[in-house]
Amino acid sequence: MTGYITDNNGEKMNNVHPLNPKAKTKSVSLTNYTSMKMYCPVRGDNTTCYFVPLSEICDMEHNPGRFSGTQTTNVQQLLDSMTTDSIGQKEPICLEWDKATGSFSKVFGFHRTWSTLEAYDKGFKINNHPDFGVDAVPGIWAWIFNGTPAEKTAIQMRENGNKTPHAPATKEEMVNLLIEYITLGGLDKGHKIPYHKLDDKKKYDRCRDFMKKNTPYWGGRKFRAIWNSLASSGSSAAAVNFTNYPKQKIAEYWCNNNPYGITYDELDKKLSGSLVVKNGTSYGIYFFASSAEMSAGLPSNATKMKNTRNADKIIVIGSLNNSTVGNVAKNRQDIVRQAKRWNQWTKKKTFDEMYFMPQTDNEKNKLLLSGGWALHENL
């Protein structure tokens, strides 16, 4: 059975499905579409799905869950799966009716839609699609979303973020969707205190709890990376009082504000562990983003550089992304004491200087524009 859409007067339109339909309607009658129950892993249940003609789905949208858009490799994998599997299309996509355009827009399922179009173009059969043959209307099984923009973003995060390893979303894509979810008020719903009024610790906990429930793949150990990227994104949605920095940003800031004239281009590609000679002096430069790195391999590597590569000075620059507003000052002093103790244990002093990034709001407001440091120690 081929579906139809009602026009502005509620009258049935002819069952004509051009590739780029011109008619725009404000309502849709789902009762006139072929339907069946399908299991949707994003929802976690069996739900009513409708066979929607591809001509009624907007094809000019960018995949919101993927920076690089729809990937041809993934399309080919899905095409092979749908046309060779005895079931056919195993999972439905999700669509939303757009009154403004008079067509369906995709909530998720961009790759599957493209794969389905290719299957029909090549004359391949998808077993559970109705009316296969020369007169078949190309279509796809979908359930219809009817919720808030924040709920839609949460669904997109769930679908992209919980994929099996063959096509997982990246950390950056998850952060982008999380920022959108926060902007839309998603982390306010069901809470007496709005997200933006929480302190950083409670913001972290609320984000983590949401990710654990909605996108478990990113809600466990991987969440720290999500939070660090969110906190360093500069987005007003993050609204954190304590900024975390990736090593690249730390390196860029130091190279713009060091007294030796060392530039970013003079660093090795790996950044940390660079050896730069400037005006006859050789500098071993290390970057860290967590206090744990000063308890791991960094001290040993720095000692080796000074002893075997004859670095004149070892300079360490970092941020304490695993700290908080209330603890960061003390944590910095702990790192300085740790470096001084290491110097006492080695025959030749290892560490010469330490720089710490401004991370609290007060520090950033006072220091960032002038290129200052929260702490600079000569060891």
Foldseek 3Di string as FASTA:
>chain_A
DQAFAAAQVRDTDDRDQDQADDGAHQDGDQVRFDWDWAQAVLVRGTDIKGWHFLSQEDPPDFQLLAPVGADPVLLVVLLVCQLPDQQHPRHAFEWEQDRVRRGIYGLDDNSVSVSQVVCVVVLGDRNPDPDRDPPDRRTTIYDYDDDDPLVSLLSSLLVQQQDDPVRHGDLVSNLSSVLVNLVSQVLVPPDPDGLLPDALVVNLVSSLVSCCVRRVSCNPPNVLVSLLCNQQVPDVSSNYQFHFDDQVVQLQLCCVQPPQNHHPVQADPVRAQGWGAGPNAIEGEGEDRALVVLVPCNLVSLVCCCPPVVHPAYEYEYEHSVDHPVCRVVSVVVSVVSLVVSLVVDPHRRHFKYFYAQTGNVSCVPDVVVSDTPDIDGD
